[in-house]
Amino acid sequence: MTDLLTEATVSLDLARRIAAAAEAEARRLGKTMGVAVVDRSGQIIVASRMDGASPVALQLAIDKAFTAAAFNAPTDAWGEVTKPGAADWGLTSALAGRIVILAGGLPIRVDGQLVGALGVSGAAPSVDLACAQAGLTALTPK
């Protein structure tokens, strides 16, 4: 039937590998983080809070992953346009505050197609982003 769509998404196995790679980078940097991998619609596949991570780290990671999937863009791409008076000011209060514009949320793309997203939180924005980028290295076959 031609009226049906087939969409690729992140498998549980791949989500676990992505999360493990992000956590490994956090450990290498001496940080504890919350890590979440979601499917293309922002539904959680894997979510974890490393021992010692801030109690809010996991929820922020989940919301970063949701935001990256919802907009198919890194979460920090929205910083300038969401400042007061800018074109998307107020975006961060949408969906009961689920939209997060802090670094650490990245879309997961395969062959240019959105298949999910990763969110990492628990340290400085640059560290969150570095751990998220490390997580995406799990997409590269070894």
Protein backbone atom coordinates (compact mmCIF):
# COMPACT_ATOMS: atom_id res chain seq x y z
CA MET A 1 0.00 0.00 0.00
CA THR A 2 1.55 3.33 -1.01
CA ASP A 3 -0.26 5.34 1.66
CA LEU A 4 1.90 3.89 4.44
CA LEU A 5 5.16 5.42 5.61
CA THR A 6 8.16 3.52 6.86
CA GLU A 7 10.36 5.47 9.25
CA ALA A 8 13.76 4.46 10.54
CA THR A 9 14.31 4.81 14.27
CA VAL A 10 16.99 4.07 16.84
CA SER A 11 16.92 0.49 18.10
CA LEU A 12 17.26 -0.30 21.79
CA ASP A 13 20.69 -1.82 21.14
CA LEU A 14 21.93 1.30 19.33
CA ALA A 15 20.42 3.57 22.01
CA ARG A 16 22.32 1.63 24.68
CA ARG A 17 25.59 1.96 22.73
CA ILE A 18 25.08 5.70 22.25
CA ALA A 19 24.32 6.21 25.94
CA ALA A 20 27.33 4.08 26.94
CA ALA A 21 29.65 6.13 24.72
CA ALA A 22 28.36 9.38 26.25
CA GLU A 23 28.78 7.98 29.77
CA ALA A 24 32.30 6.76 28.97
CA GLU A 25 33.28 10.28 27.92
CA ALA A 26 31.74 11.71 31.10
CA ARG A 27 33.76 9.24 33.19
CA ARG A 28 36.91 10.14 31.24
CA LEU A 29 36.26 13.80 32.09
CA GLY A 30 35.52 12.97 35.74
CA LYS A 31 31.87 14.03 35.47
CA THR A 32 28.57 12.40 36.31
CA MET A 33 25.66 12.97 33.95
CA GLY A 34 22.13 12.19 33.00
CA VAL A 35 21.88 10.66 29.52
CA ALA A 36 18.80 10.06 27.40
CA VAL A 37 18.22 8.66 23.92
CA VAL A 38 14.81 9.18 22.32
CA ASP A 39 13.19 8.10 19.08
CA ARG A 40 12.38 10.55 16.29
CA SER A 41 9.16 11.59 18.05
CA GLY A 42 10.92 12.29 21.35
CA GLN A 43 9.82 9.15 23.21
CA ILE A 44 12.43 7.73 25.59
CA ILE A 45 14.30 4.61 24.53
CA VAL A 46 17.08 4.72 27.13
CA ALA A 47 17.55 7.04 30.10
CA SER A 48 20.12 6.80 32.86
CA ARG A 49 21.56 8.89 35.67
CA MET A 50 25.13 8.08 36.54
CA ASP A 51 25.93 7.51 40.21
CA GLY A 52 26.45 10.88 41.87
CA ALA A 53 24.80 12.92 39.11
CA SER A 54 22.61 15.85 40.06
CA PRO A 55 18.97 14.94 40.69
CA VAL A 56 17.91 17.28 37.85
CA ALA A 57 20.47 15.97 35.34
CA LEU A 58 18.29 13.18 34.01
CA GLN A 59 15.18 15.30 33.43
CA LEU A 60 17.27 17.93 31.65
CA ALA A 61 18.88 15.23 29.50
CA ILE A 62 15.45 13.87 28.58
CA ASP A 63 14.20 17.33 27.67
CA LYS A 64 17.34 18.11 25.66
CA ALA A 65 16.87 14.90 23.69
CA PHE A 66 13.18 15.74 23.17
CA THR A 67 14.07 19.23 21.93
CA ALA A 68 16.75 17.96 19.53
CA ALA A 69 14.29 15.45 18.08
CA ALA A 70 11.40 17.91 17.89
CA PHE A 71 13.42 20.47 15.95
CA ASN A 72 15.93 18.14 14.26
CA ALA A 73 18.65 20.50 15.46
CA PRO A 74 21.19 20.79 18.28
CA THR A 75 19.60 22.33 21.36
CA ASP A 76 22.09 25.17 21.57
CA ALA A 77 21.12 26.35 18.07
CA TRP A 78 18.19 28.27 19.62
CA GLY A 79 20.13 30.53 22.00
CA GLU A 80 20.08 33.77 20.02
CA VAL A 81 16.54 33.55 18.66
CA THR A 82 15.01 32.84 22.08
CA LYS A 83 16.40 35.91 23.84
CA PRO A 84 13.77 38.44 24.97
CA GLY A 85 12.40 40.29 21.98
CA ALA A 86 13.89 37.88 19.42
CA ALA A 87 11.83 35.95 16.88
CA ASP A 88 11.36 32.82 19.02
CA TRP A 89 11.28 34.49 22.43
CA GLY A 90 9.03 32.42 24.68
CA LEU A 91 9.86 29.13 22.97
CA THR A 92 11.43 27.78 26.15
CA SER A 93 8.11 28.08 27.98
CA ALA A 94 6.33 26.00 25.32
CA LEU A 95 5.16 22.50 26.17
CA ALA A 96 5.33 23.16 29.90
CA GLY A 97 9.02 24.08 29.66
CA ARG A 98 10.17 20.92 27.88
CA ILE A 99 12.03 22.93 25.24
CA VAL A 100 15.65 23.26 26.39
CA ILE A 101 18.11 25.50 24.58
CA LEU A 102 21.24 24.55 26.52
CA ALA A 103 24.06 22.64 24.81
CA GLY A 104 24.01 18.86 25.11
CA GLY A 105 21.11 17.81 22.91
CA LEU A 106 21.89 16.46 19.44
CA PRO A 107 19.77 14.91 16.72
CA ILE A 108 20.75 11.40 15.66
CA ARG A 109 20.80 11.18 11.88
CA VAL A 110 21.52 8.26 9.59
CA ASP A 111 22.07 9.07 5.92
CA GLY A 112 20.80 12.57 6.67
CA GLN A 113 17.52 11.27 8.09
CA LEU A 114 16.44 11.98 11.67
CA VAL A 115 16.13 8.69 13.57
CA GLY A 116 16.27 9.94 17.16
CA ALA A 117 18.13 12.28 19.49
CA LEU A 118 20.53 12.26 22.42
CA GLY A 119 20.50 14.50 25.47
CA VAL A 120 23.26 14.82 28.06
CA SER A 121 23.23 17.02 31.16
CA GLY A 122 25.12 17.40 34.40
CA ALA A 123 28.10 19.66 33.83
CA ALA A 124 29.04 22.86 32.02
CA PRO A 125 27.37 23.24 28.61
CA SER A 126 30.64 22.57 26.77
CA VAL A 127 31.13 19.32 28.72
CA ASP A 128 27.53 18.23 28.11
CA LEU A 129 28.06 18.85 24.39
CA ALA A 130 31.39 16.98 24.33
CA CYS A 131 29.75 13.95 25.98
CA ALA A 132 26.84 14.09 23.53
CA GLN A 133 29.24 14.27 20.59
CA ALA A 134 31.10 11.28 22.01
CA GLY A 135 27.80 9.42 22.24
CA LEU A 136 27.23 9.88 18.53
CA THR A 137 30.52 8.13 17.77
CA ALA A 138 28.59 4.89 18.45
CA LEU A 139 26.96 5.41 15.03
CA THR A 140 30.28 4.72 13.32
CA PRO A 141 30.82 0.99 12.72
CA LYS A 142 34.04 -0.35 14.21
